[in-house]
Amino acid sequence: MASIVIRINDRRIADATQPRSWHPTIVAPTMSTSLKDSCARADFYAAKHPINYYNGVGRTVRFSCSIIVAFGALALFGCYSGSRPPRIGAAAPDFTVRDSDRTITLSQLKGQVVVLNFWATWCPPCIEEMPSLVQMQQRMKAKGVTVLAVSVDADESNYRRFLSDHSVSLLSVRDADQKSNALYGTFKFPETYVIDRNGVVRRKFIGAVDWTEPEVIEYLGKL
């Protein structure tokens, strides 16, 4: 089976429901619309999710958007991608990431539903979705859903400060060499893969997602 792109609340998602001959193309937003949408979503999201740690993050997102506008060439919304087709319906590529805090091997989480999120502290959409990831993890932990947040930050101090300042209570590890995301063909962020209890990739989300949306919660709960 090959992948098809469907939408949940206007979010592009890859799904394994079409014959192999069907090869859709996921098109990233244009620079003009995506930039405006990114900044608008940041403001809306901060208002919708009044989490204490998000107050400073909202300012960071707006400031980052200003920088992107100023430098034009960097304004490809800095964070969407996936140069290879998603591995929907196939076994999730295994990897081990070791940083100064912990060592994590993806296959050790088999038996759980894994929400594998590739992100970075310098990526506005990544910051935008982080509060909802935390909320979803708290809500779904008892049902065997685990968020594995793999940061591609090269700067360890920025990574540690972000987790500490914003109380990010997720299973997180820093892959400065970006080897794990490369296995999935992910080179711009955020990009998220939902892996079922048998270690098979079931969904691919491109861009920031509100993980507290009822459709998403319901889907994860059924895996």
C-alpha atoms as a PDB file:
ATOM      1  CA  MET A   1       0.000   0.000   0.000  1.00  0.00           C
ATOM      2  CA  ALA A   2       1.190   3.532  -0.729  1.00  0.00           C
ATOM      3  CA  SER A   3       0.179   6.696   1.081  1.00  0.00           C
ATOM      4  CA  ILE A   4      -2.626   9.131   0.520  1.00  0.00           C
ATOM      5  CA  VAL A   5      -2.934  12.610   1.964  1.00  0.00           C
ATOM      6  CA  ILE A   6      -6.114  13.286   3.910  1.00  0.00           C
ATOM      7  CA  ARG A   7      -7.127  16.170   6.131  1.00  0.00           C
ATOM      8  CA  ILE A   8      -8.240  16.529   9.720  1.00  0.00           C
ATOM      9  CA  ASN A   9      -9.246  20.110  10.465  1.00  0.00           C
ATOM     10  CA  ASP A  10      -7.309  21.298   7.423  1.00  0.00           C
ATOM     11  CA  ARG A  11      -4.159  19.465   8.546  1.00  0.00           C
ATOM     12  CA  ARG A  12      -2.422  17.292   5.957  1.00  0.00           C
ATOM     13  CA  ILE A  13      -2.015  13.706   7.074  1.00  0.00           C
ATOM     14  CA  ALA A  14      -0.621  10.692   5.260  1.00  0.00           C
ATOM     15  CA  ASP A  15      -2.658   7.498   5.450  1.00  0.00           C
ATOM     16  CA  ALA A  16      -2.325   3.966   4.116  1.00  0.00           C
ATOM     17  CA  THR A  17      -5.568   3.506   2.222  1.00  0.00           C
ATOM     18  CA  GLN A  18      -4.766   3.652  -1.493  1.00  0.00           C
ATOM     19  CA  PRO A  19      -3.206   1.216  -3.989  1.00  0.00           C
ATOM     20  CA  ARG A  20       0.519   1.423  -4.637  1.00  0.00           C
ATOM     21  CA  SER A  21      -0.025   3.117  -7.995  1.00  0.00           C
ATOM     22  CA  TRP A  22      -1.465   6.198  -6.259  1.00  0.00           C
ATOM     23  CA  HIS A  23       1.355   8.656  -5.513  1.00  0.00           C
ATOM     24  CA  PRO A  24       0.154  11.983  -4.083  1.00  0.00           C
ATOM     25  CA  THR A  25       2.483  14.910  -3.579  1.00  0.00           C
ATOM     26  CA  ILE A  26       2.450  16.836  -0.333  1.00  0.00           C
ATOM     27  CA  VAL A  27       2.834  20.497  -1.225  1.00  0.00           C
ATOM     28  CA  ALA A  28       4.252  22.844   1.395  1.00  0.00           C
ATOM     29  CA  PRO A  29       2.487  26.188   1.915  1.00  0.00           C
ATOM     30  CA  THR A  30       3.655  29.136  -0.134  1.00  0.00           C
ATOM     31  CA  MET A  31       5.899  31.625   1.597  1.00  0.00           C
ATOM     32  CA  SER A  32       3.363  34.455   1.758  1.00  0.00           C
ATOM     33  CA  THR A  33       0.456  32.463   3.140  1.00  0.00           C
ATOM     34  CA  SER A  34       2.402  30.172   5.429  1.00  0.00           C
ATOM     35  CA  LEU A  35       4.240  33.007   7.102  1.00  0.00           C
ATOM     36  CA  LYS A  36       1.051  34.889   7.899  1.00  0.00           C
ATOM     37  CA  ASP A  37      -0.671  31.713   9.019  1.00  0.00           C
ATOM     38  CA  SER A  38       2.251  30.765  11.244  1.00  0.00           C
ATOM     39  CA  CYS A  39       2.207  34.047  13.113  1.00  0.00           C
ATOM     40  CA  ALA A  40      -1.589  34.134  13.272  1.00  0.00           C
ATOM     41  CA  ARG A  41      -1.744  30.592  14.616  1.00  0.00           C
ATOM     42  CA  ALA A  42       0.849  31.421  17.247  1.00  0.00           C
ATOM     43  CA  ASP A  43      -1.285  34.275  18.601  1.00  0.00           C
ATOM     44  CA  PHE A  44      -4.497  32.242  18.389  1.00  0.00           C
ATOM     45  CA  TYR A  45      -2.927  29.216  20.000  1.00  0.00           C
ATOM     46  CA  ALA A  46      -1.477  31.184  22.900  1.00  0.00           C
ATOM     47  CA  ALA A  47      -4.951  32.570  23.612  1.00  0.00           C
ATOM     48  CA  LYS A  48      -6.687  29.218  23.206  1.00  0.00           C
ATOM     49  CA  HIS A  49      -4.254  27.331  25.439  1.00  0.00           C
ATOM     50  CA  PRO A  50      -3.477  29.505  28.480  1.00  0.00           C
ATOM     51  CA  ILE A  51      -0.655  27.316  29.751  1.00  0.00           C
ATOM     52  CA  ASN A  52       1.708  29.199  32.019  1.00  0.00           C
ATOM     53  CA  TYR A  53       4.869  28.316  30.164  1.00  0.00           C
ATOM     54  CA  TYR A  54       3.417  29.322  26.809  1.00  0.00           C
ATOM     55  CA  ASN A  55       3.339  33.067  27.513  1.00  0.00           C
ATOM     56  CA  GLY A  56       7.012  33.539  26.709  1.00  0.00           C
ATOM     57  CA  VAL A  57       6.844  31.109  23.834  1.00  0.00           C
ATOM     58  CA  GLY A  58       4.216  33.226  22.096  1.00  0.00           C
ATOM     59  CA  ARG A  59       6.568  36.168  22.098  1.00  0.00           C
ATOM     60  CA  THR A  60       9.358  33.980  20.762  1.00  0.00           C
ATOM     61  CA  VAL A  61       7.199  32.832  17.872  1.00  0.00           C
ATOM     62  CA  ARG A  62       6.203  36.362  16.894  1.00  0.00           C
ATOM     63  CA  PHE A  63       9.788  37.561  17.131  1.00  0.00           C
ATOM     64  CA  SER A  64      10.985  34.640  15.034  1.00  0.00           C
ATOM     65  CA  CYS A  65       8.390  35.419  12.388  1.00  0.00           C
ATOM     66  CA  SER A  66       9.675  38.996  12.194  1.00  0.00           C
ATOM     67  CA  ILE A  67      13.189  37.729  11.623  1.00  0.00           C
ATOM     68  CA  ILE A  68      11.972  35.399   8.876  1.00  0.00           C
ATOM     69  CA  VAL A  69      10.199  38.256   7.119  1.00  0.00           C
ATOM     70  CA  ALA A  70      13.292  40.429   7.335  1.00  0.00           C
ATOM     71  CA  PHE A  71      15.549  37.834   5.804  1.00  0.00           C
ATOM     72  CA  GLY A  72      13.198  36.732   3.019  1.00  0.00           C
ATOM     73  CA  ALA A  73      15.360  33.894   1.780  1.00  0.00           C
ATOM     74  CA  LEU A  74      14.827  32.099   5.061  1.00  0.00           C
ATOM     75  CA  ALA A  75      11.090  32.547   4.889  1.00  0.00           C
ATOM     76  CA  LEU A  76      10.034  29.174   3.590  1.00  0.00           C
ATOM     77  CA  PHE A  77       8.136  28.827   6.871  1.00  0.00           C
ATOM     78  CA  GLY A  78      11.276  27.150   8.029  1.00  0.00           C
ATOM     79  CA  CYS A  79       9.723  23.981   9.052  1.00  0.00           C
ATOM     80  CA  TYR A  80       7.839  21.815   6.584  1.00  0.00           C
ATOM     81  CA  SER A  81       9.275  18.917   4.606  1.00  0.00           C
ATOM     82  CA  GLY A  82       9.822  15.263   3.988  1.00  0.00           C
ATOM     83  CA  SER A  83      11.801  14.662   0.820  1.00  0.00           C
ATOM     84  CA  ARG A  84      10.965  10.959   0.652  1.00  0.00           C
ATOM     85  CA  PRO A  85       7.523   9.298   0.672  1.00  0.00           C
ATOM     86  CA  PRO A  86       6.249   8.520   4.168  1.00  0.00           C
ATOM     87  CA  ARG A  87       6.670   4.933   5.358  1.00  0.00           C
ATOM     88  CA  ILE A  88       2.997   4.409   5.990  1.00  0.00           C
ATOM     89  CA  GLY A  89       2.089   0.777   6.634  1.00  0.00           C
ATOM     90  CA  ALA A  90       5.722  -0.297   7.049  1.00  0.00           C
ATOM     91  CA  ALA A  91       7.794  -1.009  10.125  1.00  0.00           C
ATOM     92  CA  ALA A  92       9.115   2.171  11.710  1.00  0.00           C
ATOM     93  CA  PRO A  93      12.876   2.491  11.155  1.00  0.00           C
ATOM     94  CA  ASP A  94      14.550   1.772  14.469  1.00  0.00           C
ATOM     95  CA  PHE A  95      17.169   4.060  15.955  1.00  0.00           C
ATOM     96  CA  THR A  96      19.047   4.755  19.150  1.00  0.00           C
ATOM     97  CA  VAL A  97      19.735   8.300  20.285  1.00  0.00           C
ATOM     98  CA  ARG A  98      22.067   9.056  23.155  1.00  0.00           C
ATOM     99  CA  ASP A  99      22.478  12.471  24.724  1.00  0.00           C
ATOM    100  CA  SER A 100      23.896  13.600  28.067  1.00  0.00           C
ATOM    101  CA  ASP A 101      20.656  12.735  29.887  1.00  0.00           C
ATOM    102  CA  ARG A 102      19.491   9.418  28.445  1.00  0.00           C
ATOM    103  CA  THR A 103      19.699   6.777  25.764  1.00  0.00           C
ATOM    104  CA  ILE A 104      16.515   5.937  23.886  1.00  0.00           C
ATOM    105  CA  THR A 105      15.935   3.124  21.414  1.00  0.00           C
ATOM    106  CA  LEU A 106      12.658   3.413  19.532  1.00  0.00           C
ATOM    107  CA  SER A 107      12.001  -0.343  19.449  1.00  0.00           C
ATOM    108  CA  GLN A 108      12.038  -0.447  23.251  1.00  0.00           C
ATOM    109  CA  LEU A 109       8.707   1.386  23.135  1.00  0.00           C
ATOM    110  CA  LYS A 110       7.034  -1.401  21.161  1.00  0.00           C
ATOM    111  CA  GLY A 111       3.705  -2.259  22.726  1.00  0.00           C
ATOM    112  CA  GLN A 112       2.844   1.412  23.107  1.00  0.00           C
ATOM    113  CA  VAL A 113       1.399   3.864  20.620  1.00  0.00           C
ATOM    114  CA  VAL A 114       4.324   6.163  19.874  1.00  0.00           C
ATOM    115  CA  VAL A 115       3.887   9.723  18.664  1.00  0.00           C
ATOM    116  CA  LEU A 116       7.346  10.371  17.229  1.00  0.00           C
ATOM    117  CA  ASN A 117       7.823  14.115  16.957  1.00  0.00           C
ATOM    118  CA  PHE A 118      10.885  15.689  15.307  1.00  0.00           C
ATOM    119  CA  TRP A 119      11.273  19.283  16.485  1.00  0.00           C
ATOM    120  CA  ALA A 120      13.665  22.086  17.428  1.00  0.00           C
ATOM    121  CA  THR A 121      13.626  25.047  19.793  1.00  0.00           C
ATOM    122  CA  TRP A 122      14.347  27.465  16.921  1.00  0.00           C
ATOM    123  CA  CYS A 123      11.296  26.323  14.891  1.00  0.00           C
ATOM    124  CA  PRO A 124       8.159  28.487  15.458  1.00  0.00           C
ATOM    125  CA  PRO A 125       5.620  25.808  14.407  1.00  0.00           C
ATOM    126  CA  CYS A 126       7.377  23.309  16.685  1.00  0.00           C
ATOM    127  CA  ILE A 127       6.961  25.698  19.599  1.00  0.00           C
ATOM    128  CA  GLU A 128       3.373  26.345  18.590  1.00  0.00           C
ATOM    129  CA  GLU A 129       2.325  22.709  18.909  1.00  0.00           C
ATOM    130  CA  MET A 130       4.352  21.842  22.016  1.00  0.00           C
ATOM    131  CA  PRO A 131       1.651  22.765  24.590  1.00  0.00           C
ATOM    132  CA  SER A 132      -0.895  20.525  22.897  1.00  0.00           C
ATOM    133  CA  LEU A 133       1.610  17.652  22.749  1.00  0.00           C
ATOM    134  CA  VAL A 134       2.125  17.976  26.499  1.00  0.00           C
ATOM    135  CA  GLN A 135      -1.613  18.098  27.135  1.00  0.00           C
ATOM    136  CA  MET A 136      -2.286  15.113  24.897  1.00  0.00           C
ATOM    137  CA  GLN A 137       0.447  13.068  26.588  1.00  0.00           C
ATOM    138  CA  GLN A 138      -1.014  13.778  30.010  1.00  0.00           C
ATOM    139  CA  ARG A 139      -4.460  12.772  28.815  1.00  0.00           C
ATOM    140  CA  MET A 140      -3.474   9.640  26.873  1.00  0.00           C
ATOM    141  CA  LYS A 141      -0.627   8.222  28.974  1.00  0.00           C
ATOM    142  CA  ALA A 142      -2.939   5.812  30.797  1.00  0.00           C
ATOM    143  CA  LYS A 143      -4.051   4.458  27.422  1.00  0.00           C
ATOM    144  CA  GLY A 144      -0.516   3.558  26.425  1.00  0.00           C
ATOM    145  CA  VAL A 145       0.266   6.557  24.221  1.00  0.00           C
ATOM    146  CA  THR A 146       3.817   7.905  24.498  1.00  0.00           C
ATOM    147  CA  VAL A 147       5.174  11.039  22.865  1.00  0.00           C
ATOM    148  CA  LEU A 148       8.826  10.698  21.898  1.00  0.00           C
ATOM    149  CA  ALA A 149      10.062  14.193  21.144  1.00  0.00           C
ATOM    150  CA  VAL A 150      13.380  14.101  19.286  1.00  0.00           C
ATOM    151  CA  SER A 151      15.044  17.497  19.177  1.00  0.00           C
ATOM    152  CA  VAL A 152      17.516  18.265  16.411  1.00  0.00           C
ATOM    153  CA  ASP A 153      18.999  21.221  18.290  1.00  0.00           C
ATOM    154  CA  ALA A 154      22.743  21.569  17.902  1.00  0.00           C
ATOM    155  CA  ASP A 155      22.933  23.852  20.935  1.00  0.00           C
ATOM    156  CA  GLU A 156      22.516  21.755  24.071  1.00  0.00           C
ATOM    157  CA  SER A 157      22.113  24.769  26.356  1.00  0.00           C
ATOM    158  CA  ASN A 158      19.176  26.120  24.335  1.00  0.00           C
ATOM    159  CA  TYR A 159      17.552  22.697  24.354  1.00  0.00           C
ATOM    160  CA  ARG A 160      17.957  22.234  28.104  1.00  0.00           C
ATOM    161  CA  ARG A 161      16.792  25.750  28.868  1.00  0.00           C
ATOM    162  CA  PHE A 162      13.661  25.338  26.775  1.00  0.00           C
ATOM    163  CA  LEU A 163      12.666  22.092  28.499  1.00  0.00           C
ATOM    164  CA  SER A 164      13.345  23.567  31.909  1.00  0.00           C
ATOM    165  CA  ASP A 165      11.770  26.985  31.405  1.00  0.00           C
ATOM    166  CA  HIS A 166       8.609  25.548  29.870  1.00  0.00           C
ATOM    167  CA  SER A 167       8.295  22.372  31.967  1.00  0.00           C
ATOM    168  CA  VAL A 168       8.089  20.104  28.933  1.00  0.00           C
ATOM    169  CA  SER A 169       7.147  16.813  30.574  1.00  0.00           C
ATOM    170  CA  LEU A 170       7.654  14.590  27.538  1.00  0.00           C
ATOM    171  CA  LEU A 171      10.072  11.773  26.809  1.00  0.00           C
ATOM    172  CA  SER A 172      12.583  13.924  24.972  1.00  0.00           C
ATOM    173  CA  VAL A 173      16.063  13.352  23.615  1.00  0.00           C
ATOM    174  CA  ARG A 174      18.446  15.516  21.590  1.00  0.00           C
ATOM    175  CA  ASP A 175      19.855  14.182  18.324  1.00  0.00           C
ATOM    176  CA  ALA A 176      22.339  16.872  17.330  1.00  0.00           C
ATOM    177  CA  ASP A 177      23.659  14.711  14.480  1.00  0.00           C
ATOM    178  CA  GLN A 178      20.135  14.450  13.024  1.00  0.00           C
ATOM    179  CA  LYS A 179      20.555  10.790  12.180  1.00  0.00           C
ATOM    180  CA  SER A 180      17.162   9.638  13.461  1.00  0.00           C
ATOM    181  CA  ASN A 181      15.123  12.124  11.447  1.00  0.00           C
ATOM    182  CA  ALA A 182      17.230  11.346   8.370  1.00  0.00           C
ATOM    183  CA  LEU A 183      16.022   7.743   8.575  1.00  0.00           C
ATOM    184  CA  TYR A 184      12.503   9.058   8.035  1.00  0.00           C
ATOM    185  CA  GLY A 185      13.390  11.523   5.292  1.00  0.00           C
ATOM    186  CA  THR A 186      12.589  14.448   7.580  1.00  0.00           C
ATOM    187  CA  PHE A 187      14.841  17.489   7.279  1.00  0.00           C
ATOM    188  CA  LYS A 188      12.585  20.414   8.149  1.00  0.00           C
ATOM    189  CA  PHE A 189      10.296  20.591  11.112  1.00  0.00           C
ATOM    190  CA  PRO A 190       7.991  19.750  12.800  1.00  0.00           C
ATOM    191  CA  GLU A 191       7.110  16.389  11.386  1.00  0.00           C
ATOM    192  CA  THR A 192       5.391  13.647  13.368  1.00  0.00           C
ATOM    193  CA  TYR A 193       4.842   9.925  12.873  1.00  0.00           C
ATOM    194  CA  VAL A 194       2.247   7.858  14.695  1.00  0.00           C
ATOM    195  CA  ILE A 195       3.514   4.318  15.271  1.00  0.00           C
ATOM    196  CA  ASP A 196       1.153   1.595  16.442  1.00  0.00           C
ATOM    197  CA  ARG A 197       1.752  -0.983  19.182  1.00  0.00           C
ATOM    198  CA  ASN A 198       3.317  -3.378  16.689  1.00  0.00           C
ATOM    199  CA  GLY A 199       5.894  -0.835  15.519  1.00  0.00           C
ATOM    200  CA  VAL A 200       4.163   0.020  12.244  1.00  0.00           C
ATOM    201  CA  VAL A 201       3.903   3.613  10.990  1.00  0.00           C
ATOM    202  CA  ARG A 202       0.223   4.537  10.665  1.00  0.00           C
ATOM    203  CA  ARG A 203       0.167   8.297  10.165  1.00  0.00           C
ATOM    204  CA  LYS A 204       2.444  11.127   9.177  1.00  0.00           C
ATOM    205  CA  PHE A 205       1.625  14.683  10.227  1.00  0.00           C
ATOM    206  CA  ILE A 206       3.389  17.538   8.445  1.00  0.00           C
ATOM    207  CA  GLY A 207       3.574  20.839  10.286  1.00  0.00           C
ATOM    208  CA  ALA A 208       2.143  22.002  13.604  1.00  0.00           C
ATOM    209  CA  VAL A 209      -0.865  20.056  14.889  1.00  0.00           C
ATOM    210  CA  ASP A 210      -3.314  20.726  17.705  1.00  0.00           C
ATOM    211  CA  TRP A 211      -2.956  17.351  19.417  1.00  0.00           C
ATOM    212  CA  THR A 212      -5.942  18.032  21.668  1.00  0.00           C
ATOM    213  CA  GLU A 213      -8.412  18.030  18.770  1.00  0.00           C
ATOM    214  CA  PRO A 214     -11.152  15.409  19.359  1.00  0.00           C
ATOM    215  CA  GLU A 215     -10.465  13.666  16.029  1.00  0.00           C
ATOM    216  CA  VAL A 216      -6.806  13.193  16.897  1.00  0.00           C
ATOM    217  CA  ILE A 217      -7.517  12.014  20.449  1.00  0.00           C
ATOM    218  CA  GLU A 218     -10.122   9.568  19.169  1.00  0.00           C
ATOM    219  CA  TYR A 219      -7.765   8.177  16.535  1.00  0.00           C
ATOM    220  CA  LEU A 220      -4.919   7.641  18.997  1.00  0.00           C
ATOM    221  CA  GLY A 221      -7.277   6.010  21.471  1.00  0.00           C
ATOM    222  CA  LYS A 222      -8.314   3.394  18.902  1.00  0.00           C
ATOM    223  CA  LEU A 223      -4.809   2.226  18.025  1.00  0.00           C
END
